[in-house]
N, C-alpha and C. Protein backbone atom coordinates (compact mmCIF):
# COMPACT_ATOMS: atom_id res chain seq x y z
N MET A 1 -74.58 6.80 -61.27
CA MET A 1 -73.23 6.74 -62.10
C MET A 1 -72.43 7.91 -61.57
N TRP A 2 -71.33 7.38 -61.23
CA TRP A 2 -70.28 8.53 -60.64
C TRP A 2 -69.06 8.91 -61.98
N ARG A 3 -68.67 9.97 -61.65
CA ARG A 3 -67.55 10.19 -62.69
C ARG A 3 -66.56 11.16 -62.17
N ILE A 4 -65.29 11.31 -62.71
CA ILE A 4 -64.37 12.56 -62.19
C ILE A 4 -64.88 13.61 -62.49
N ASP A 5 -65.10 14.20 -61.90
CA ASP A 5 -65.49 15.86 -62.02
C ASP A 5 -64.40 16.54 -62.92
N PRO A 6 -64.83 16.89 -64.34
CA PRO A 6 -63.58 17.52 -65.20
C PRO A 6 -63.18 18.73 -64.64
N LYS A 7 -63.84 19.50 -63.90
CA LYS A 7 -63.53 20.75 -63.22
C LYS A 7 -62.31 20.35 -62.35
N LYS A 8 -62.18 19.58 -61.48
CA LYS A 8 -61.62 19.14 -60.45
C LYS A 8 -61.21 17.80 -60.40
N ARG A 9 -60.18 17.42 -60.87
CA ARG A 9 -60.12 15.97 -61.08
C ARG A 9 -59.37 15.06 -59.88
N THR A 10 -59.50 15.68 -58.57
CA THR A 10 -59.69 15.03 -57.34
C THR A 10 -60.82 14.90 -56.58
N ARG A 11 -61.92 15.03 -57.52
CA ARG A 11 -63.14 14.92 -57.13
C ARG A 11 -64.15 13.93 -58.00
N VAL A 12 -64.76 13.15 -57.24
CA VAL A 12 -65.83 12.31 -57.93
C VAL A 12 -67.10 12.90 -57.68
N ILE A 13 -68.16 12.81 -58.50
CA ILE A 13 -69.65 13.41 -58.47
C ILE A 13 -70.44 12.33 -59.17
N ASP A 14 -71.56 12.59 -58.69
CA ASP A 14 -72.39 11.91 -59.21
C ASP A 14 -73.11 12.41 -60.64
N LYS A 15 -74.39 11.92 -60.95
CA LYS A 15 -74.89 12.44 -62.04
C LYS A 15 -75.52 13.82 -62.33
N PHE A 16 -75.76 14.21 -60.84
CA PHE A 16 -76.47 15.59 -60.46
C PHE A 16 -75.24 16.45 -60.12
N GLY A 17 -74.12 15.85 -60.18
CA GLY A 17 -72.65 17.11 -60.15
C GLY A 17 -72.64 17.14 -58.28
N ARG A 18 -73.42 16.29 -57.62
CA ARG A 18 -72.86 16.46 -56.10
C ARG A 18 -71.62 15.86 -56.04
N THR A 19 -70.82 15.99 -54.77
CA THR A 19 -69.68 15.45 -54.76
C THR A 19 -69.59 14.42 -53.61
N VAL A 20 -69.19 13.09 -54.47
CA VAL A 20 -69.54 11.80 -53.75
C VAL A 20 -67.93 11.61 -52.80
N ALA A 21 -66.88 11.83 -53.46
CA ALA A 21 -65.49 11.66 -52.80
C ALA A 21 -64.65 12.57 -53.09
N SER A 22 -63.55 13.29 -52.51
CA SER A 22 -62.56 13.92 -52.79
C SER A 22 -61.35 12.73 -52.26
N VAL A 23 -60.29 13.02 -53.36
CA VAL A 23 -58.90 12.40 -52.86
C VAL A 23 -58.06 13.26 -53.01
N GLU A 24 -56.57 12.82 -52.40
CA GLU A 24 -55.59 13.77 -52.23
C GLU A 24 -54.71 13.89 -53.88
N ALA A 25 -54.24 14.66 -54.31
CA ALA A 25 -53.87 14.87 -55.36
C ALA A 25 -52.96 13.83 -56.02
N GLU A 26 -52.30 13.12 -55.48
CA GLU A 26 -51.34 12.08 -55.79
C GLU A 26 -52.27 10.82 -56.18
N VAL A 27 -53.54 10.70 -55.56
CA VAL A 27 -54.18 9.21 -55.52
C VAL A 27 -55.06 9.64 -56.90
N ASP A 28 -55.33 8.52 -58.02
CA ASP A 28 -56.15 8.19 -58.97
C ASP A 28 -57.75 8.22 -58.34
N PRO A 29 -58.43 9.28 -58.52
CA PRO A 29 -59.91 9.06 -58.33
C PRO A 29 -60.70 7.93 -58.98
N SER A 30 -60.14 7.18 -60.20
CA SER A 30 -60.96 6.37 -61.08
C SER A 30 -61.59 5.29 -60.42
N LEU A 31 -60.60 4.64 -59.61
CA LEU A 31 -61.15 3.30 -58.70
C LEU A 31 -62.66 3.94 -58.09
N ILE A 32 -62.66 4.99 -57.18
CA ILE A 32 -63.74 5.38 -56.81
C ILE A 32 -64.93 5.46 -57.69
N ALA A 33 -64.79 6.35 -58.66
CA ALA A 33 -65.70 6.64 -59.93
C ALA A 33 -66.42 5.44 -60.62
N THR A 34 -65.35 4.25 -60.84
CA THR A 34 -65.98 3.01 -61.36
C THR A 34 -66.47 2.04 -60.15
N ALA A 35 -66.45 2.21 -58.75
CA ALA A 35 -66.95 1.37 -57.82
C ALA A 35 -68.36 1.04 -57.93
N PRO A 36 -69.38 1.98 -58.34
CA PRO A 36 -70.61 1.25 -58.27
C PRO A 36 -70.75 0.46 -59.33
N ASP A 37 -70.21 0.40 -60.69
CA ASP A 37 -70.46 -0.85 -61.69
C ASP A 37 -69.66 -1.69 -61.46
N MET A 38 -68.48 -1.74 -60.77
CA MET A 38 -67.89 -2.91 -60.16
C MET A 38 -68.41 -3.38 -59.22
N PHE A 39 -69.37 -2.94 -58.35
CA PHE A 39 -70.04 -3.46 -57.11
C PHE A 39 -71.21 -4.15 -58.09
N LYS A 40 -72.00 -3.68 -59.05
CA LYS A 40 -72.74 -4.36 -59.61
C LYS A 40 -72.39 -5.66 -60.68
N LEU A 41 -71.32 -5.61 -60.99
CA LEU A 41 -70.62 -6.73 -61.84
C LEU A 41 -70.37 -7.89 -60.39
N LEU A 42 -69.65 -7.69 -59.48
CA LEU A 42 -69.54 -8.62 -58.50
C LEU A 42 -70.81 -9.32 -57.98
N GLU A 43 -71.74 -8.24 -57.78
CA GLU A 43 -73.01 -9.10 -57.67
C GLU A 43 -73.40 -9.93 -58.59
N LYS A 44 -73.37 -9.84 -59.81
CA LYS A 44 -73.73 -10.76 -60.77
C LYS A 44 -73.00 -11.88 -60.58
N LEU A 45 -71.66 -11.61 -60.62
CA LEU A 45 -70.64 -12.99 -60.75
C LEU A 45 -70.92 -13.79 -59.68
N GLU A 46 -71.45 -13.15 -58.22
CA GLU A 46 -71.65 -13.86 -56.70
C GLU A 46 -72.32 -15.04 -57.11
N ASN A 47 -73.48 -15.15 -58.15
CA ASN A 47 -74.72 -16.36 -58.12
C ASN A 47 -74.00 -17.31 -59.25
N SER A 48 -72.83 -16.68 -59.88
CA SER A 48 -73.02 -17.34 -61.72
C SER A 48 -72.27 -18.60 -61.35
N GLU A 49 -72.85 -19.56 -61.96
CA GLU A 49 -72.35 -20.92 -62.05
C GLU A 49 -71.15 -20.84 -62.59
N SER A 50 -70.85 -20.28 -63.55
CA SER A 50 -69.47 -20.20 -64.76
C SER A 50 -68.31 -19.95 -63.79
N ILE A 51 -68.17 -19.67 -62.58
CA ILE A 51 -67.13 -19.26 -61.63
C ILE A 51 -66.74 -20.47 -60.53
N SER A 52 -65.60 -20.85 -60.55
CA SER A 52 -64.98 -21.69 -59.12
C SER A 52 -65.65 -20.99 -58.00
N ASP A 53 -65.70 -22.29 -56.99
CA ASP A 53 -66.23 -22.01 -55.57
C ASP A 53 -65.23 -20.97 -54.84
N GLU A 54 -64.38 -21.26 -55.26
CA GLU A 54 -62.86 -20.09 -54.61
C GLU A 54 -63.21 -18.89 -54.95
N LEU A 55 -63.11 -18.67 -56.43
CA LEU A 55 -63.68 -17.21 -56.75
C LEU A 55 -64.63 -16.76 -55.96
N ARG A 56 -65.83 -17.73 -55.94
CA ARG A 56 -67.00 -17.07 -55.50
C ARG A 56 -66.73 -16.36 -54.17
N GLU A 57 -66.24 -17.53 -53.07
CA GLU A 57 -65.50 -16.99 -51.90
C GLU A 57 -65.02 -15.59 -51.79
N GLU A 58 -64.02 -15.41 -52.55
CA GLU A 58 -63.11 -14.08 -52.76
C GLU A 58 -64.31 -13.00 -53.04
N ILE A 59 -65.25 -13.34 -54.15
CA ILE A 59 -66.08 -12.46 -54.54
C ILE A 59 -67.15 -11.81 -53.43
N GLN A 60 -67.62 -13.06 -52.31
CA GLN A 60 -68.54 -12.60 -51.51
C GLN A 60 -67.84 -12.04 -50.54
N LEU A 61 -66.31 -12.18 -50.24
CA LEU A 61 -65.60 -11.15 -49.10
C LEU A 61 -65.71 -10.03 -49.59
N VAL A 62 -65.34 -9.85 -50.74
CA VAL A 62 -65.07 -8.23 -51.39
C VAL A 62 -66.77 -7.36 -51.20
N LEU A 63 -67.45 -8.16 -51.55
CA LEU A 63 -69.22 -7.91 -51.31
C LEU A 63 -69.41 -7.23 -50.04
N ARG A 64 -69.09 -8.32 -48.97
CA ARG A 64 -69.56 -8.24 -47.80
C ARG A 64 -68.77 -6.76 -47.33
N ARG A 65 -67.36 -6.85 -47.49
CA ARG A 65 -66.57 -5.24 -46.84
C ARG A 65 -67.31 -4.15 -47.70
N ALA A 66 -67.85 -4.13 -48.97
CA ALA A 66 -68.46 -3.28 -49.59
C ALA A 66 -69.61 -2.92 -49.04
N ARG A 67 -70.37 -3.97 -48.17
CA ARG A 67 -71.86 -3.36 -47.80
C ARG A 67 -71.62 -3.04 -46.30
N GLY A 68 -70.34 -2.99 -45.85
CA GLY A 68 -70.09 -2.96 -44.29
C GLY A 68 -70.42 -3.80 -43.51
N ASP A 69 -70.27 -5.05 -44.08
CA ASP A 69 -70.57 -6.32 -43.18
C ASP A 69 -69.24 -6.33 -42.40
N PHE A 70 -68.88 -5.88 -41.28
CA PHE A 70 -67.87 -6.13 -40.33
C PHE A 70 -68.04 -7.17 -39.52
N GLY A 71 -68.60 -8.17 -39.74
CA GLY A 71 -69.19 -9.35 -38.68
C GLY A 71 -67.62 -10.19 -38.49
N LEU A 72 -68.05 -11.33 -38.38
CA LEU A 72 -66.54 -12.11 -38.12
C LEU A 72 -65.76 -12.37 -39.40
N ALA A 73 -64.84 -12.04 -39.54
CA ALA A 73 -63.73 -12.07 -40.79
C ALA A 73 -63.40 -13.13 -40.77
N VAL A 74 -63.40 -14.04 -41.65
CA VAL A 74 -62.71 -15.24 -42.16
C VAL A 74 -62.35 -14.90 -43.50
N PHE A 75 -61.00 -15.31 -43.56
CA PHE A 75 -60.33 -15.68 -44.97
C PHE A 75 -59.73 -16.71 -45.38
N SER A 76 -60.04 -16.66 -46.71
CA SER A 76 -59.81 -17.96 -47.21
C SER A 76 -58.35 -18.08 -47.42
N ASN A 77 -57.47 -19.28 -47.71
CA ASN A 77 -56.03 -19.07 -48.06
C ASN A 77 -55.87 -19.70 -48.96
N ARG A 78 -56.92 -19.48 -50.18
CA ARG A 78 -56.80 -19.97 -51.38
C ARG A 78 -56.12 -19.25 -52.43
N PHE A 79 -56.17 -18.01 -52.15
CA PHE A 79 -55.34 -17.01 -53.10
C PHE A 79 -54.55 -16.05 -52.04
N PRO A 80 -53.60 -16.54 -51.12
CA PRO A 80 -52.61 -15.85 -50.25
C PRO A 80 -51.66 -14.84 -51.12
N SER A 81 -51.32 -15.00 -52.15
CA SER A 81 -50.46 -14.22 -52.97
C SER A 81 -51.01 -13.01 -53.15
N GLN A 82 -52.40 -12.85 -53.84
CA GLN A 82 -53.18 -11.88 -54.14
C GLN A 82 -53.77 -11.12 -52.85
N ARG A 83 -53.61 -11.34 -51.94
CA ARG A 83 -54.19 -10.33 -50.63
C ARG A 83 -53.33 -10.67 -49.78
N ALA A 84 -52.39 -10.84 -49.86
CA ALA A 84 -51.06 -10.70 -48.76
C ALA A 84 -51.25 -9.56 -48.18
N ILE A 85 -51.06 -8.54 -48.91
CA ILE A 85 -50.83 -7.25 -48.26
C ILE A 85 -52.21 -6.71 -47.69
N GLY A 86 -53.15 -6.78 -48.52
CA GLY A 86 -54.39 -6.40 -48.02
C GLY A 86 -54.93 -7.09 -46.83
N ASN A 87 -54.46 -8.25 -46.63
CA ASN A 87 -55.25 -8.94 -45.62
C ASN A 87 -54.25 -8.80 -44.28
N GLN A 88 -53.03 -8.47 -44.22
CA GLN A 88 -52.42 -8.04 -43.27
C GLN A 88 -53.20 -6.41 -42.74
N ASP A 89 -53.55 -5.73 -43.63
CA ASP A 89 -53.71 -4.53 -43.40
C ASP A 89 -55.40 -4.78 -42.71
N TRP A 90 -56.30 -5.36 -43.04
CA TRP A 90 -57.40 -5.94 -42.94
C TRP A 90 -57.45 -6.58 -41.57
N LEU A 91 -56.44 -7.52 -41.31
CA LEU A 91 -56.24 -8.16 -39.55
C LEU A 91 -56.05 -7.28 -39.03
N LYS A 92 -55.36 -5.94 -39.15
CA LYS A 92 -54.81 -5.13 -38.09
C LYS A 92 -55.88 -4.21 -37.76
N PHE A 93 -56.62 -3.89 -38.86
CA PHE A 93 -57.90 -2.84 -38.67
C PHE A 93 -58.69 -3.60 -37.74
N MET A 94 -58.88 -5.18 -38.11
CA MET A 94 -60.14 -6.06 -37.10
C MET A 94 -59.33 -6.04 -35.89
N ASP A 95 -57.97 -6.22 -35.60
CA ASP A 95 -57.59 -6.62 -34.44
C ASP A 95 -57.83 -5.32 -33.51
N ARG A 96 -57.79 -4.19 -34.17
CA ARG A 96 -57.79 -2.63 -33.16
C ARG A 96 -59.32 -2.81 -32.95
N LEU A 97 -60.32 -3.25 -33.81
CA LEU A 97 -61.20 -3.26 -33.17
C LEU A 97 -61.94 -4.05 -32.05
N LEU A 98 -61.27 -5.40 -32.24
CA LEU A 98 -61.55 -6.15 -31.25
C LEU A 98 -61.11 -5.95 -29.91
N LYS A 99 -59.90 -5.27 -29.74
CA LYS A 99 -59.18 -5.38 -28.40
C LYS A 99 -59.87 -4.50 -27.49
N PRO A 100 -60.31 -5.13 -26.32
CA PRO A 100 -60.92 -4.32 -25.29
C PRO A 100 -60.18 -2.76 -25.01
N PRO A 101 -61.29 -1.80 -24.77
CA PRO A 101 -60.61 -0.52 -24.55
C PRO A 101 -59.24 -0.12 -23.51
N PHE A 102 -59.21 -1.41 -22.78
CA PHE A 102 -58.18 -0.84 -21.65
C PHE A 102 -56.88 -1.39 -22.24
N GLU A 103 -56.75 -1.94 -23.27
CA GLU A 103 -55.68 -2.36 -23.78
C GLU A 103 -55.02 -1.57 -24.74
N THR A 104 -53.67 -1.18 -24.87
CA THR A 104 -53.12 -0.23 -25.80
C THR A 104 -52.10 -0.93 -26.08
N GLU A 105 -51.54 -0.60 -27.24
CA GLU A 105 -50.04 -1.08 -27.97
C GLU A 105 -48.86 -0.59 -27.35
């Protein structure tokens, strides 16, 4: 369980008080603090029959990214408006990873 440190609101700590993450003052650390809970929920939903195939694909994409699986990045076009900005950042990141070292921008 992670939570925002009551002594320093820019720090996220675990149940033992150890620092998990720190953020800049203008960033809200609540997303980091809730990440483990959101991850568990997405894992449960991933195999749920009550969701559409399209939503399942989106959940699987998010879980792969959370697990650090940077294999072949395949993006669904089913929810372009929801992920347009995030996809562009992700594609730029992947493009930089896949460029041979001798190529420069």
